């Protein structure tokens, strides 16, 4: 009786056998699944962090432009004695802000010899503001910057 052996042909010189497939072990499959779980758990945290960074940066940019426009408006009133032109000056300087959401008021107190310019801005989020939806209740916050200067 001839005995059949289940032997594999020898590997080619300097190479590996090409006909065999190596199946990953159960430990490797478990680690791959654990990596996917870690990514799934960390993705919302990373997305929230990215949201906070972008929204925070836009908020600081908007408030900085608002403050600078308030200072320039107060300087304009002190130098030109033009209370009515404050809105135009503020809107011309705050070019990065939506002019429809920007209001400026100037109060000249002759008793204290002071001018106070208050600029308000209805801030809209970067992620939710849509210029085409026309929703007036879209603002998240109302920023206010006020500058007081003495009159000569």
Protein backbone atom coordinates (compact mmCIF):
# COMPACT_ATOMS: atom_id res chain seq x y z
CA UNK A 1 0.00 0.00 0.00
CA UNK A 2 1.27 3.32 -0.85
CA UNK A 3 1.11 5.99 1.70
CA UNK A 4 0.14 9.49 0.54
CA UNK A 5 1.73 12.32 2.28
CA UNK A 6 0.31 15.78 2.43
CA UNK A 7 3.48 17.68 1.72
CA UNK A 8 3.92 21.14 0.37
CA UNK A 9 6.15 21.90 -2.54
CA UNK A 10 9.35 23.67 -1.57
CA UNK A 11 9.44 27.44 -1.61
CA UNK A 12 11.16 29.08 -4.54
CA UNK A 13 14.69 30.29 -3.85
CA UNK A 14 14.70 33.64 -2.01
CA UNK A 15 10.92 33.86 -1.78
CA UNK A 16 7.86 32.61 -0.04
CA UNK A 17 5.13 30.30 -1.14
CA UNK A 18 2.53 32.18 -3.06
CA UNK A 19 -0.35 29.79 -2.90
CA UNK A 20 -0.85 29.94 0.84
CA UNK A 21 -2.85 32.53 2.65
CA UNK A 22 -2.07 33.46 6.18
CA UNK A 23 -5.19 34.02 8.23
CA UNK A 24 -4.89 36.54 11.02
CA UNK A 25 -5.09 35.21 14.49
CA UNK A 26 -8.00 35.97 16.76
CA UNK A 27 -5.74 38.27 18.78
CA UNK A 28 -4.94 40.36 15.71
CA UNK A 29 -8.63 40.60 14.85
CA UNK A 30 -9.44 41.69 18.40
CA UNK A 31 -6.78 44.42 18.28
CA UNK A 32 -8.10 45.67 14.96
CA UNK A 33 -11.59 45.85 16.43
CA UNK A 34 -10.28 47.66 19.49
CA UNK A 35 -8.57 50.26 17.30
CA UNK A 36 -11.84 50.89 15.47
CA UNK A 37 -13.63 51.30 18.80
CA UNK A 38 -11.03 53.79 20.02
CA UNK A 39 -11.42 55.87 16.86
CA UNK A 40 -15.21 55.77 17.21
CA UNK A 41 -14.97 56.97 20.80
CA UNK A 42 -12.43 59.72 20.11
CA UNK A 43 -14.00 61.12 16.95
CA UNK A 44 -16.76 63.12 18.75
CA UNK A 45 -14.19 64.55 21.15
CA UNK A 46 -11.94 65.64 18.30
CA UNK A 47 -14.92 67.09 16.39
CA UNK A 48 -16.03 69.05 19.48
CA UNK A 49 -12.51 70.37 19.99
CA UNK A 50 -12.33 71.47 16.36
CA UNK A 51 -15.72 73.20 16.69
CA UNK A 52 -14.59 75.08 19.80
CA UNK A 53 -11.36 76.19 18.13
CA UNK A 54 -13.03 77.46 14.96
CA UNK A 55 -15.98 79.07 16.74
CA UNK A 56 -13.76 80.60 19.43
CA UNK A 57 -11.42 82.06 16.84
CA UNK A 58 -14.30 83.57 14.91
CA UNK A 59 -15.81 84.98 18.10
CA UNK A 60 -12.54 86.67 19.07
CA UNK A 61 -12.12 88.05 15.54
CA UNK A 62 -15.63 89.51 15.56
CA UNK A 63 -15.27 91.06 19.02
CA UNK A 64 -11.87 92.53 18.12
CA UNK A 65 -13.32 94.16 14.98
CA UNK A 66 -16.24 95.46 17.04
CA UNK A 67 -13.97 97.00 19.67
CA UNK A 68 -11.77 98.67 17.06
CA UNK A 69 -14.83 100.08 15.28
CA UNK A 70 -16.12 101.46 18.59
CA UNK A 71 -12.81 103.22 19.26
CA UNK A 72 -12.69 104.67 15.76
CA UNK A 73 -16.29 105.88 16.08
CA UNK A 74 -15.50 107.67 19.35
CA UNK A 75 -12.40 109.27 17.79
CA UNK A 76 -14.53 110.40 14.85
CA UNK A 77 -17.05 112.10 17.14
CA UNK A 78 -14.32 113.79 19.21
CA UNK A 79 -12.35 115.02 16.19
CA UNK A 80 -15.23 116.03 13.88
CA UNK A 81 -18.07 116.64 16.35
CA UNK A 82 -20.25 114.47 14.10
CA UNK A 83 -22.57 112.29 16.17
CA UNK A 84 -24.79 111.42 13.21
CA UNK A 85 -21.92 109.96 11.15
CA UNK A 86 -20.92 107.31 13.69
CA UNK A 87 -22.95 104.54 12.06
CA UNK A 88 -21.26 105.17 8.70
CA UNK A 89 -17.77 105.23 10.23
CA UNK A 90 -18.35 102.04 12.21
CA UNK A 91 -19.75 100.15 9.23
CA UNK A 92 -16.86 101.27 7.02
CA UNK A 93 -14.31 99.97 9.53
CA UNK A 94 -15.97 96.67 10.48
CA UNK A 95 -15.79 95.22 6.99
CA UNK A 96 -15.47 91.63 8.22
CA UNK A 97 -18.82 91.84 10.04
CA UNK A 98 -22.31 91.73 8.57
CA UNK A 99 -23.39 95.39 8.26
CA UNK A 100 -27.07 94.48 8.71
CA UNK A 101 -26.33 93.03 12.16
CA UNK A 102 -24.29 96.05 13.28
CA UNK A 103 -25.69 99.07 15.11
CA UNK A 104 -23.81 102.05 16.52
CA UNK A 105 -25.03 104.79 18.82
CA UNK A 106 -23.19 107.84 20.10
CA UNK A 107 -24.08 109.84 23.19
CA UNK A 108 -22.44 113.19 23.81
CA UNK A 109 -22.62 114.24 27.46
CA UNK A 110 -21.82 117.95 27.62
CA UNK A 111 -22.00 118.05 31.42
CA UNK A 112 -19.17 115.51 31.85
CA UNK A 113 -17.55 116.49 28.54
CA UNK A 114 -17.55 112.84 27.39
CA UNK A 115 -18.54 111.01 24.25
CA UNK A 116 -19.66 107.38 24.52
CA UNK A 117 -19.99 105.23 21.42
CA UNK A 118 -21.68 101.85 21.79
CA UNK A 119 -21.53 99.32 18.99
CA UNK A 120 -23.70 96.19 19.05
CA UNK A 121 -23.38 93.18 16.79
CA UNK A 122 -25.72 90.20 16.47
CA UNK A 123 -23.15 87.41 16.24
CA UNK A 124 -23.93 84.36 14.12
CA UNK A 125 -22.09 81.07 14.32
CA UNK A 126 -19.78 80.00 11.52
CA UNK A 127 -21.53 76.65 11.32
CA UNK A 128 -25.15 77.78 11.42
CA UNK A 129 -25.19 81.11 9.61
CA UNK A 130 -26.64 80.87 6.16
CA UNK A 131 -26.95 84.13 4.22
CA UNK A 132 -29.70 82.66 2.06
CA UNK A 133 -32.15 81.53 4.71
CA UNK A 134 -33.21 85.04 5.80
CA UNK A 135 -33.97 84.01 9.39
CA UNK A 136 -33.72 87.13 11.61
CA UNK A 137 -33.55 84.99 14.79
CA UNK A 138 -30.33 83.34 13.67
CA UNK A 139 -28.05 85.24 16.09
CA UNK A 140 -26.39 83.34 18.93
CA UNK A 141 -25.10 86.30 20.95
CA UNK A 142 -25.24 90.05 20.88
CA UNK A 143 -21.80 91.54 21.39
CA UNK A 144 -21.49 95.05 22.69
CA UNK A 145 -18.40 97.26 22.74
CA UNK A 146 -18.44 100.69 24.30
CA UNK A 147 -15.78 103.40 24.18
CA UNK A 148 -15.81 106.67 26.13
CA UNK A 149 -13.51 109.59 25.32
CA UNK A 150 -13.27 113.09 26.74
CA UNK A 151 -14.25 115.96 24.46
CA UNK A 152 -11.95 118.94 24.09
